Structures are given as structure tokens and as C-alpha cells.
Amino acid sequence: MKVLLVDDDNDIRDVITQSLTRHGLEVVAASGVKEALQQVVSQSFDVLVTDLHMPGAGDGFAVVTAMRHFQPGALTIILSGYPDLPEAMQAISQNVDQVLSKPVPISELVKVIQSKATDRKLSTLSNKETVATILEREADMTVERWLWRVEKVEALASIPLSPEERTSFVREILRNIVTRLLKVRDMEAPAIPSPGAVAQGRLRHGQGYTAPLVVQESRILQVSIFETIQRNLPGVDFSLVLGDVMLIADEVDSQLTQTIDSFLQVDKETPAPEKL
């Protein structure tokens, strides 16, 4: 397990770092809140162990808040030399997993880390959803939000289509994105042929779209997908989310490429008007 240790006392920080390392834990040490926050946003951690009272802006609770926001699956442990009732209540309100009084025996700290981190990880994983599952469950809402955004764009809204005509192949394209997340996770994999994207290009040509408008619709779809993920962020399995976002962007581009190719092919098939 990887531990972020935050303490402004150099001697205490060194002793705890060496002791936890001897117990097989990987430790990244920070001497204050600012340094700790930089680590929280740049690395992944299983455990946060932070002193409560530190000089400078913020304190241990600021680090806990950041960890809860960016890495909600991490175990959070606060070390306090003199915990009082208000601090105990704040710890409860911020869902701190454990408050230990300093000086804490290293054996006790290790025991807490090993037992609570394992329990939290099992509990977290059992309640988390993949991005693919969320997009499947939220497909109707994603399409509704996409349609709402499209109708806010004057150039798109000026094309007189019913909601059914406008969204005819959007759900199929969304299903293709979910399939990519579930079955083809290689970023270098060849594009999967998409009959829906091809049909979308031919349909949009007949409906009076231009190629830039087709591209704009695709961009709006990507925004709507990411909004769906953001709305469900507390329930997302963060171990896969970065790769999923990259795959979604890649697959949206693949679908758009096939749509545009189909759109332009209709142009080639359409005979030029005869000159008088």
C-alpha cells in the first residue's frame, strides 16, 4: 500500500517513514499542507496519515478534505497530540476513518492501516460502478442532455427536425462507445466499423447539415457523456476512470470519422447539376 505521511516535525516524520517502510509500506512524506496537497493531486494513495496541527495555512483537516475529494477511496488517519471535542466532531463530519493520539506506537498505526485499509478497499470496490455501467444506465438522460444542448445552438436548431429525427442514431453511437469500454480497451486497436455512424452521416447529409455541424454535434455528445460521468462521480471506480475517459474520447473521434466519411461520400455520389 502507498501512504502519504504529512507532519511538520522532521524527526517524527523520519521515524514514522522508516518504520512504515520496514513494514512493507511505500511512504511519500510531506512536511506541510501545501506540499501534501501537491502530492494528493499528482499521485495515487491508499492511505493518508496526517498530523492535525501544523503551522501555515490550513491543517490536517485541509489535507483530509482534499484527499476525500480527489481520492475518496483512500483511508484517512489523523494524528493529534491533544484532540478535543470540537476536533473530534469535525473528524466525524469529514468521515475521517481514525483519530490516533500522539505519540502513537508504530505497531498500532500499522495495525490500523492494514485492517482498515483492507476493509475500506473491499467496501469501496463492492459499491463502485464502471463508467460503462453508468453510461448504459444513464443512456436516456445522456441523450436528453445532448438534445437540450444541441437545441441551444442556433445553427443546429435552425434545421427543422423532430426530437426523434435528431436523435435517431445517437443512442446506437452511445452503445458503440459502451461496447468499446467493455470489449476493446486497447488505444491502438483498429476502428470498429459502426453501421450507425455511417447511417448517421448519410442521414445528416439528407437533412441539410454541413460537415462542421456534424462535428459540432459530436463534440456536444462528448460533453454530455463527460457530464454524465461527473454527475455520477462519487460512485465511479477510480481505478479505471482515466483510461475510460481516454477510450471515450478516442471512440467518439472514431465514430465521428466514420460519420464524416459517409457524409462526404454522399457528396461524391450526388451528380453535379447540369450547366445550361
C-alpha atoms as a PDB file:
ATOM      1  CA  MET A   1       0.000   0.000   0.000  1.00  0.00           C
ATOM      2  CA  LYS A   2       1.091   3.563  -0.695  1.00  0.00           C
ATOM      3  CA  VAL A   3       0.929   6.015   2.210  1.00  0.00           C
ATOM      4  CA  LEU A   4       1.005   9.820   2.181  1.00  0.00           C
ATOM      5  CA  LEU A   5       2.534  10.910   5.502  1.00  0.00           C
ATOM      6  CA  VAL A   6       2.142  14.569   6.479  1.00  0.00           C
ATOM      7  CA  ASP A   7       3.931  16.010   9.535  1.00  0.00           C
ATOM      8  CA  ASP A   8       5.857  19.251  10.010  1.00  0.00           C
ATOM      9  CA  ASP A   9       8.195  17.694  12.612  1.00  0.00           C
ATOM     10  CA  ASN A  10      11.224  16.366  10.724  1.00  0.00           C
ATOM     11  CA  ASP A  11      12.229  13.844  13.387  1.00  0.00           C
ATOM     12  CA  ILE A  12       8.730  12.380  13.776  1.00  0.00           C
ATOM     13  CA  ARG A  13       8.265  12.264  10.013  1.00  0.00           C
ATOM     14  CA  ASP A  14      11.562  10.428   9.515  1.00  0.00           C
ATOM     15  CA  VAL A  15      10.886   7.904  12.288  1.00  0.00           C
ATOM     16  CA  ILE A  16       7.386   7.076  11.030  1.00  0.00           C
ATOM     17  CA  THR A  17       8.595   6.876   7.416  1.00  0.00           C
ATOM     18  CA  GLN A  18      11.369   4.439   8.278  1.00  0.00           C
ATOM     19  CA  SER A  19       9.094   2.328  10.478  1.00  0.00           C
ATOM     20  CA  LEU A  20       6.280   2.070   7.939  1.00  0.00           C
ATOM     21  CA  THR A  21       8.776   1.242   5.193  1.00  0.00           C
ATOM     22  CA  ARG A  22      10.155  -1.622   7.291  1.00  0.00           C
ATOM     23  CA  HIS A  23       6.598  -2.981   7.481  1.00  0.00           C
ATOM     24  CA  GLY A  24       6.415  -3.137   3.680  1.00  0.00           C
ATOM     25  CA  LEU A  25       4.546   0.119   3.032  1.00  0.00           C
ATOM     26  CA  GLU A  26       5.551   2.653   0.393  1.00  0.00           C
ATOM     27  CA  VAL A  27       5.712   6.084   2.023  1.00  0.00           C
ATOM     28  CA  VAL A  28       5.667   9.543   0.446  1.00  0.00           C
ATOM     29  CA  ALA A  29       6.418  12.185   3.087  1.00  0.00           C
ATOM     30  CA  ALA A  30       5.265  15.819   3.073  1.00  0.00           C
ATOM     31  CA  SER A  31       6.333  18.484   5.568  1.00  0.00           C
ATOM     32  CA  GLY A  32       3.222  20.645   5.398  1.00  0.00           C
ATOM     33  CA  VAL A  33      -0.201  21.261   3.935  1.00  0.00           C
ATOM     34  CA  LYS A  34       0.946  22.890   0.687  1.00  0.00           C
ATOM     35  CA  GLU A  35       3.345  20.067  -0.140  1.00  0.00           C
ATOM     36  CA  ALA A  36       0.733  17.480   0.832  1.00  0.00           C
ATOM     37  CA  LEU A  37      -1.895  18.999  -1.464  1.00  0.00           C
ATOM     38  CA  GLN A  38       0.558  18.879  -4.360  1.00  0.00           C
ATOM     39  CA  GLN A  39       1.060  15.162  -3.721  1.00  0.00           C
ATOM     40  CA  VAL A  40      -2.690  14.484  -3.444  1.00  0.00           C
ATOM     41  CA  VAL A  41      -3.374  15.858  -6.927  1.00  0.00           C
ATOM     42  CA  SER A  42      -0.322  14.296  -8.582  1.00  0.00           C
ATOM     43  CA  GLN A  43      -0.139  10.745  -7.149  1.00  0.00           C
ATOM     44  CA  SER A  44      -2.491   7.964  -6.082  1.00  0.00           C
ATOM     45  CA  PHE A  45      -2.531   6.821  -2.451  1.00  0.00           C
ATOM     46  CA  ASP A  46      -4.178   4.054  -0.464  1.00  0.00           C
ATOM     47  CA  VAL A  47      -3.718   5.765   2.913  1.00  0.00           C
ATOM     48  CA  LEU A  48      -3.345   9.286   4.310  1.00  0.00           C
ATOM     49  CA  VAL A  49      -1.644   9.706   7.705  1.00  0.00           C
ATOM     50  CA  THR A  50      -1.544  13.372   8.694  1.00  0.00           C
ATOM     51  CA  ASP A  51      -0.696  15.416  11.743  1.00  0.00           C
ATOM     52  CA  LEU A  52      -3.633  17.593  12.746  1.00  0.00           C
ATOM     53  CA  HIS A  53      -1.832  20.754  13.890  1.00  0.00           C
ATOM     54  CA  MET A  54       0.725  22.237  11.518  1.00  0.00           C
ATOM     55  CA  PRO A  55       1.984  25.802  11.036  1.00  0.00           C
ATOM     56  CA  GLY A  56       1.000  27.810   7.996  1.00  0.00           C
ATOM     57  CA  ALA A  57      -2.236  27.948   6.084  1.00  0.00           C
ATOM     58  CA  GLY A  58      -4.611  25.053   6.746  1.00  0.00           C
ATOM     59  CA  ASP A  59      -4.160  21.979   8.909  1.00  0.00           C
ATOM     60  CA  GLY A  60      -4.685  18.240   8.782  1.00  0.00           C
ATOM     61  CA  PHE A  61      -8.370  18.643   8.011  1.00  0.00           C
ATOM     62  CA  ALA A  62      -7.488  20.581   4.834  1.00  0.00           C
ATOM     63  CA  VAL A  63      -5.432  17.609   3.652  1.00  0.00           C
ATOM     64  CA  VAL A  64      -8.251  15.210   4.569  1.00  0.00           C
ATOM     65  CA  THR A  65     -10.747  17.321   2.619  1.00  0.00           C
ATOM     66  CA  ALA A  66      -8.512  17.284  -0.455  1.00  0.00           C
ATOM     67  CA  MET A  67      -7.944  13.539  -0.196  1.00  0.00           C
ATOM     68  CA  ARG A  68     -11.661  12.876   0.202  1.00  0.00           C
ATOM     69  CA  HIS A  69     -12.346  14.975  -2.908  1.00  0.00           C
ATOM     70  CA  PHE A  70      -9.639  13.657  -5.222  1.00  0.00           C
ATOM     71  CA  GLN A  71      -9.186  10.114  -3.865  1.00  0.00           C
ATOM     72  CA  PRO A  72     -12.339   9.123  -1.975  1.00  0.00           C
ATOM     73  CA  GLY A  73     -11.257   5.503  -1.672  1.00  0.00           C
ATOM     74  CA  ALA A  74      -8.190   6.316   0.456  1.00  0.00           C
ATOM     75  CA  LEU A  75      -8.079   5.537   4.182  1.00  0.00           C
ATOM     76  CA  THR A  76      -7.672   8.738   6.243  1.00  0.00           C
ATOM     77  CA  ILE A  77      -5.926   8.753   9.651  1.00  0.00           C
ATOM     78  CA  ILE A  78      -5.312  11.852  11.760  1.00  0.00           C
ATOM     79  CA  LEU A  79      -2.603  12.061  14.424  1.00  0.00           C
ATOM     80  CA  SER A  80      -3.294  14.601  17.172  1.00  0.00           C
ATOM     81  CA  GLY A  81      -1.316  15.450  20.285  1.00  0.00           C
ATOM     82  CA  TYR A  82      -4.314  16.893  22.077  1.00  0.00           C
ATOM     83  CA  PRO A  83      -7.651  16.014  20.486  1.00  0.00           C
ATOM     84  CA  ASP A  84     -10.659  17.828  21.905  1.00  0.00           C
ATOM     85  CA  LEU A  85     -14.402  17.546  21.422  1.00  0.00           C
ATOM     86  CA  PRO A  86     -14.768  20.108  18.593  1.00  0.00           C
ATOM     87  CA  GLU A  87     -11.966  18.436  16.671  1.00  0.00           C
ATOM     88  CA  ALA A  88     -13.494  15.026  17.270  1.00  0.00           C
ATOM     89  CA  MET A  89     -16.830  16.294  15.931  1.00  0.00           C
ATOM     90  CA  GLN A  90     -15.112  17.773  12.857  1.00  0.00           C
ATOM     91  CA  ALA A  91     -13.342  14.487  12.257  1.00  0.00           C
ATOM     92  CA  ILE A  92     -16.686  12.697  12.333  1.00  0.00           C
ATOM     93  CA  SER A  93     -18.271  15.232   9.971  1.00  0.00           C
ATOM     94  CA  GLN A  94     -15.434  14.782   7.470  1.00  0.00           C
ATOM     95  CA  ASN A  95     -15.618  10.977   7.634  1.00  0.00           C
ATOM     96  CA  VAL A  96     -12.095  10.589   8.987  1.00  0.00           C
ATOM     97  CA  ASP A  97     -11.512   6.859   9.404  1.00  0.00           C
ATOM     98  CA  GLN A  98      -9.374   7.036  12.550  1.00  0.00           C
ATOM     99  CA  VAL A  99      -8.043   9.632  15.012  1.00  0.00           C
ATOM    100  CA  LEU A 100      -4.966   8.474  16.957  1.00  0.00           C
ATOM    101  CA  SER A 101      -3.380  10.296  19.889  1.00  0.00           C
ATOM    102  CA  LYS A 102       0.319  11.154  19.621  1.00  0.00           C
ATOM    103  CA  PRO A 103       2.683   9.630  20.377  1.00  0.00           C
ATOM    104  CA  VAL A 104       1.187   6.566  18.723  1.00  0.00           C
ATOM    105  CA  PRO A 105       3.045   3.229  18.800  1.00  0.00           C
ATOM    106  CA  ILE A 106       4.105   2.316  15.276  1.00  0.00           C
ATOM    107  CA  SER A 107       2.721  -1.198  15.736  1.00  0.00           C
ATOM    108  CA  GLU A 108      -0.721   0.281  16.463  1.00  0.00           C
ATOM    109  CA  LEU A 109      -0.529   2.586  13.435  1.00  0.00           C
ATOM    110  CA  VAL A 110       0.473  -0.292  11.173  1.00  0.00           C
ATOM    111  CA  LYS A 111      -2.334  -2.466  12.552  1.00  0.00           C
ATOM    112  CA  VAL A 112      -4.905   0.265  11.889  1.00  0.00           C
ATOM    113  CA  ILE A 113      -3.600   0.819   8.362  1.00  0.00           C
ATOM    114  CA  GLN A 114      -3.595  -2.852   7.456  1.00  0.00           C
ATOM    115  CA  SER A 115      -7.018  -3.673   8.885  1.00  0.00           C
ATOM    116  CA  LYS A 116      -8.982  -0.550   7.971  1.00  0.00           C
ATOM    117  CA  ALA A 117      -7.439  -0.086   4.527  1.00  0.00           C
ATOM    118  CA  THR A 118      -8.357  -3.645   3.558  1.00  0.00           C
ATOM    119  CA  ASP A 119     -11.916  -3.227   4.855  1.00  0.00           C
ATOM    120  CA  ARG A 120     -12.330   0.119   3.104  1.00  0.00           C
ATOM    121  CA  LYS A 121     -10.976  -1.190  -0.197  1.00  0.00           C
ATOM    122  CA  LEU A 122     -13.321  -4.161  -0.190  1.00  0.00           C
ATOM    123  CA  SER A 123     -16.263  -1.960   0.754  1.00  0.00           C
ATOM    124  CA  THR A 124     -15.373   0.679  -1.831  1.00  0.00           C
ATOM    125  CA  LEU A 125     -14.927  -1.766  -4.689  1.00  0.00           C
ATOM    126  CA  SER A 126     -18.193  -3.528  -3.901  1.00  0.00           C
ATOM    127  CA  ASN A 127     -20.098  -0.247  -4.207  1.00  0.00           C
ATOM    128  CA  LYS A 128     -18.353   1.229  -7.228  1.00  0.00           C
ATOM    129  CA  GLU A 129     -19.575   1.197 -10.817  1.00  0.00           C
ATOM    130  CA  THR A 130     -17.617   1.199 -14.033  1.00  0.00           C
ATOM    131  CA  VAL A 131     -18.049   4.076 -16.460  1.00  0.00           C
ATOM    132  CA  ALA A 132     -19.552   1.623 -18.967  1.00  0.00           C
ATOM    133  CA  THR A 133     -22.230   0.572 -16.468  1.00  0.00           C
ATOM    134  CA  ILE A 134     -23.066   4.193 -15.685  1.00  0.00           C
ATOM    135  CA  LEU A 135     -23.341   5.134 -19.372  1.00  0.00           C
ATOM    136  CA  GLU A 136     -25.630   2.147 -20.011  1.00  0.00           C
ATOM    137  CA  ARG A 137     -27.863   3.051 -17.077  1.00  0.00           C
ATOM    138  CA  GLU A 138     -27.882   6.774 -17.871  1.00  0.00           C
ATOM    139  CA  ALA A 139     -28.227   6.478 -21.670  1.00  0.00           C
ATOM    140  CA  ASP A 140     -31.639   8.148 -21.856  1.00  0.00           C
ATOM    141  CA  MET A 141     -30.535  11.048 -19.658  1.00  0.00           C
ATOM    142  CA  THR A 142     -27.329  11.480 -21.673  1.00  0.00           C
ATOM    143  CA  VAL A 143     -29.292  11.679 -24.922  1.00  0.00           C
ATOM    144  CA  GLU A 144     -31.774  14.122 -23.371  1.00  0.00           C
ATOM    145  CA  ARG A 145     -28.949  16.384 -22.200  1.00  0.00           C
ATOM    146  CA  TRP A 146     -27.329  16.105 -25.638  1.00  0.00           C
ATOM    147  CA  LEU A 147     -30.588  17.107 -27.341  1.00  0.00           C
ATOM    148  CA  TRP A 148     -31.032  20.023 -24.925  1.00  0.00           C
ATOM    149  CA  ARG A 149     -27.543  21.302 -25.757  1.00  0.00           C
ATOM    150  CA  VAL A 150     -27.984  20.808 -29.500  1.00  0.00           C
ATOM    151  CA  GLU A 151     -31.202  22.830 -29.487  1.00  0.00           C
ATOM    152  CA  LYS A 152     -29.350  25.672 -27.761  1.00  0.00           C
ATOM    153  CA  VAL A 153     -27.042  26.033 -30.787  1.00  0.00           C
ATOM    154  CA  GLU A 154     -28.763  28.305 -33.303  1.00  0.00           C
ATOM    155  CA  ALA A 155     -27.169  26.779 -36.409  1.00  0.00           C
ATOM    156  CA  LEU A 156     -28.260  23.278 -35.353  1.00  0.00           C
ATOM    157  CA  ALA A 157     -31.689  24.285 -34.043  1.00  0.00           C
ATOM    158  CA  SER A 158     -32.456  26.085 -37.315  1.00  0.00           C
ATOM    159  CA  ILE A 159     -32.595  22.716 -39.112  1.00  0.00           C
ATOM    160  CA  PRO A 160     -36.254  21.694 -38.669  1.00  0.00           C
ATOM    161  CA  LEU A 161     -36.177  18.199 -37.195  1.00  0.00           C
ATOM    162  CA  SER A 162     -38.289  16.423 -34.603  1.00  0.00           C
ATOM    163  CA  PRO A 163     -36.504  15.101 -31.485  1.00  0.00           C
ATOM    164  CA  GLU A 164     -36.858  11.569 -32.886  1.00  0.00           C
ATOM    165  CA  GLU A 165     -35.254  12.568 -36.192  1.00  0.00           C
ATOM    166  CA  ARG A 166     -32.435  14.405 -34.465  1.00  0.00           C
ATOM    167  CA  THR A 167     -31.601  11.570 -32.064  1.00  0.00           C
ATOM    168  CA  SER A 168     -32.223   8.649 -34.445  1.00  0.00           C
ATOM    169  CA  PHE A 169     -28.697   7.179 -34.339  1.00  0.00           C
ATOM    170  CA  VAL A 170     -27.318   8.868 -31.220  1.00  0.00           C
ATOM    171  CA  ARG A 171     -28.296   6.005 -28.919  1.00  0.00           C
ATOM    172  CA  GLU A 172     -26.618   3.489 -31.221  1.00  0.00           C
ATOM    173  CA  ILE A 173     -23.420   5.538 -31.282  1.00  0.00           C
ATOM    174  CA  LEU A 174     -23.563   5.721 -27.488  1.00  0.00           C
ATOM    175  CA  ARG A 175     -23.971   1.918 -27.329  1.00  0.00           C
ATOM    176  CA  ASN A 176     -20.890   1.563 -29.535  1.00  0.00           C
ATOM    177  CA  ILE A 177     -18.919   3.666 -27.050  1.00  0.00           C
ATOM    178  CA  VAL A 178     -20.053   1.423 -24.186  1.00  0.00           C
ATOM    179  CA  THR A 179     -19.061  -1.655 -26.198  1.00  0.00           C
ATOM    180  CA  ARG A 180     -15.607  -0.165 -26.720  1.00  0.00           C
ATOM    181  CA  LEU A 181     -15.229   0.335 -22.953  1.00  0.00           C
ATOM    182  CA  LEU A 182     -16.277  -3.239 -22.251  1.00  0.00           C
ATOM    183  CA  LYS A 183     -14.520  -5.166 -25.020  1.00  0.00           C
ATOM    184  CA  VAL A 184     -11.801  -3.205 -26.839  1.00  0.00           C
ATOM    185  CA  ARG A 185      -9.673  -1.334 -24.330  1.00  0.00           C
ATOM    186  CA  ASP A 186      -6.547  -1.102 -26.485  1.00  0.00           C
ATOM    187  CA  MET A 187      -5.972   2.516 -27.536  1.00  0.00           C
ATOM    188  CA  GLU A 188      -4.105   1.299 -30.629  1.00  0.00           C
ATOM    189  CA  ALA A 189      -6.851  -1.090 -31.736  1.00  0.00           C
ATOM    190  CA  PRO A 190      -8.237  -0.622 -35.266  1.00  0.00           C
ATOM    191  CA  ALA A 191     -11.504   1.280 -35.501  1.00  0.00           C
ATOM    192  CA  ILE A 192     -14.579  -0.902 -35.108  1.00  0.00           C
ATOM    193  CA  PRO A 193     -16.948  -0.495 -38.095  1.00  0.00           C
ATOM    194  CA  SER A 194     -20.084   1.342 -36.984  1.00  0.00           C
ATOM    195  CA  PRO A 195     -23.169   0.992 -39.205  1.00  0.00           C
ATOM    196  CA  GLY A 196     -24.896   3.567 -37.003  1.00  0.00           C
ATOM    197  CA  ALA A 197     -22.200   6.180 -37.570  1.00  0.00           C
ATOM    198  CA  VAL A 198     -22.239   5.506 -41.329  1.00  0.00           C
ATOM    199  CA  ALA A 199     -26.021   5.803 -41.431  1.00  0.00           C
ATOM    200  CA  GLN A 200     -25.812   8.993 -39.372  1.00  0.00           C
ATOM    201  CA  GLY A 201     -23.560  10.615 -41.973  1.00  0.00           C
ATOM    202  CA  ARG A 202     -25.897   9.810 -44.871  1.00  0.00           C
ATOM    203  CA  LEU A 203     -28.927  10.900 -42.843  1.00  0.00           C
ATOM    204  CA  ARG A 204     -27.376  14.210 -41.796  1.00  0.00           C
ATOM    205  CA  HIS A 205     -26.461  14.972 -45.408  1.00  0.00           C
ATOM    206  CA  GLY A 206     -30.065  14.489 -46.464  1.00  0.00           C
ATOM    207  CA  GLN A 207     -31.295  16.618 -43.562  1.00  0.00           C
ATOM    208  CA  GLY A 208     -29.291  19.630 -44.709  1.00  0.00           C
ATOM    209  CA  TYR A 209     -26.364  19.524 -42.297  1.00  0.00           C
ATOM    210  CA  THR A 210     -22.886  20.745 -43.163  1.00  0.00           C
ATOM    211  CA  ALA A 211     -19.769  18.819 -42.147  1.00  0.00           C
ATOM    212  CA  PRO A 212     -18.862  21.406 -39.438  1.00  0.00           C
ATOM    213  CA  LEU A 213     -22.330  20.978 -37.912  1.00  0.00           C
ATOM    214  CA  VAL A 214     -21.833  17.211 -37.773  1.00  0.00           C
ATOM    215  CA  VAL A 215     -18.550  17.795 -35.953  1.00  0.00           C
ATOM    216  CA  GLN A 216     -20.255  20.169 -33.532  1.00  0.00           C
ATOM    217  CA  GLU A 217     -22.910  17.567 -32.718  1.00  0.00           C
ATOM    218  CA  SER A 218     -20.162  15.055 -31.965  1.00  0.00           C
ATOM    219  CA  ARG A 219     -18.399  17.497 -29.656  1.00  0.00           C
ATOM    220  CA  ILE A 220     -21.671  18.064 -27.800  1.00  0.00           C
ATOM    221  CA  LEU A 221     -22.101  14.305 -27.404  1.00  0.00           C
ATOM    222  CA  GLN A 222     -18.673  14.043 -25.797  1.00  0.00           C
ATOM    223  CA  VAL A 223     -19.517  16.897 -23.417  1.00  0.00           C
ATOM    224  CA  SER A 224     -22.807  15.190 -22.498  1.00  0.00           C
ATOM    225  CA  ILE A 225     -21.045  11.877 -21.824  1.00  0.00           C
ATOM    226  CA  PHE A 226     -18.496  13.533 -19.547  1.00  0.00           C
ATOM    227  CA  GLU A 227     -21.308  15.378 -17.744  1.00  0.00           C
ATOM    228  CA  THR A 228     -22.976  12.021 -17.060  1.00  0.00           C
ATOM    229  CA  ILE A 229     -19.720  10.684 -15.601  1.00  0.00           C
ATOM    230  CA  GLN A 230     -19.269  13.830 -13.493  1.00  0.00           C
ATOM    231  CA  ARG A 231     -22.827  13.590 -12.165  1.00  0.00           C
ATOM    232  CA  ASN A 232     -22.097  10.021 -11.006  1.00  0.00           C
ATOM    233  CA  LEU A 233     -18.521  10.679  -9.880  1.00  0.00           C
ATOM    234  CA  PRO A 234     -18.976   9.551  -6.245  1.00  0.00           C
ATOM    235  CA  GLY A 235     -19.908   6.066  -7.481  1.00  0.00           C
ATOM    236  CA  VAL A 236     -17.205   5.670 -10.127  1.00  0.00           C
ATOM    237  CA  ASP A 237     -14.449   3.075  -9.865  1.00  0.00           C
ATOM    238  CA  PHE A 238     -11.462   5.439  -9.991  1.00  0.00           C
ATOM    239  CA  SER A 239      -9.029   2.652 -10.800  1.00  0.00           C
ATOM    240  CA  LEU A 240     -10.333   2.667 -14.400  1.00  0.00           C
ATOM    241  CA  VAL A 241     -11.747   6.149 -14.891  1.00  0.00           C
ATOM    242  CA  LEU A 242      -8.703   7.803 -16.501  1.00  0.00           C
ATOM    243  CA  GLY A 243      -8.346   5.021 -19.071  1.00  0.00           C
ATOM    244  CA  ASP A 244     -12.109   5.094 -19.681  1.00  0.00           C
ATOM    245  CA  VAL A 245     -12.057   8.835 -20.393  1.00  0.00           C
ATOM    246  CA  MET A 246      -9.236   8.360 -22.909  1.00  0.00           C
ATOM    247  CA  LEU A 247     -11.101   5.480 -24.569  1.00  0.00           C
ATOM    248  CA  ILE A 248     -14.311   7.534 -24.759  1.00  0.00           C
ATOM    249  CA  ALA A 249     -12.510  10.427 -26.448  1.00  0.00           C
ATOM    250  CA  ASP A 250     -10.861   8.028 -28.890  1.00  0.00           C
ATOM    251  CA  GLU A 251     -14.109   6.215 -29.703  1.00  0.00           C
ATOM    252  CA  VAL A 252     -16.086   9.444 -30.152  1.00  0.00           C
ATOM    253  CA  ASP A 253     -13.417  10.516 -32.664  1.00  0.00           C
ATOM    254  CA  SER A 254     -13.662   7.120 -34.411  1.00  0.00           C
ATOM    255  CA  GLN A 255     -17.451   7.376 -34.666  1.00  0.00           C
ATOM    256  CA  LEU A 256     -17.166  10.947 -35.952  1.00  0.00           C
ATOM    257  CA  THR A 257     -14.602   9.931 -38.589  1.00  0.00           C
ATOM    258  CA  GLN A 258     -16.945   7.253 -39.934  1.00  0.00           C
ATOM    259  CA  THR A 259     -19.872   9.686 -39.920  1.00  0.00           C
ATOM    260  CA  ILE A 260     -17.916  12.351 -41.797  1.00  0.00           C
ATOM    261  CA  ASP A 261     -16.569   9.825 -44.317  1.00  0.00           C
ATOM    262  CA  SER A 262     -20.133   8.680 -45.014  1.00  0.00           C
ATOM    263  CA  PHE A 263     -21.342  12.283 -45.215  1.00  0.00           C
ATOM    264  CA  LEU A 264     -18.650  13.187 -47.774  1.00  0.00           C
ATOM    265  CA  GLN A 265     -19.281  10.002 -49.759  1.00  0.00           C
ATOM    266  CA  VAL A 266     -22.835  11.195 -50.422  1.00  0.00           C
ATOM    267  CA  ASP A 267     -21.345  14.372 -51.895  1.00  0.00           C
ATOM    268  CA  LYS A 268     -19.286  12.250 -54.286  1.00  0.00           C
ATOM    269  CA  GLU A 269     -22.310  10.174 -55.265  1.00  0.00           C
ATOM    270  CA  THR A 270     -24.507  13.192 -55.902  1.00  0.00           C
ATOM    271  CA  PRO A 271     -24.307  14.220 -59.578  1.00  0.00           C
ATOM    272  CA  ALA A 272     -23.324  17.799 -60.242  1.00  0.00           C
ATOM    273  CA  PRO A 273     -26.104  19.996 -61.642  1.00  0.00           C
ATOM    274  CA  GLU A 274     -26.118  20.250 -65.413  1.00  0.00           C
ATOM    275  CA  LYS A 275     -24.929  23.502 -66.922  1.00  0.00           C
ATOM    276  CA  LEU A 276     -27.312  25.298 -69.246  1.00  0.00           C
END
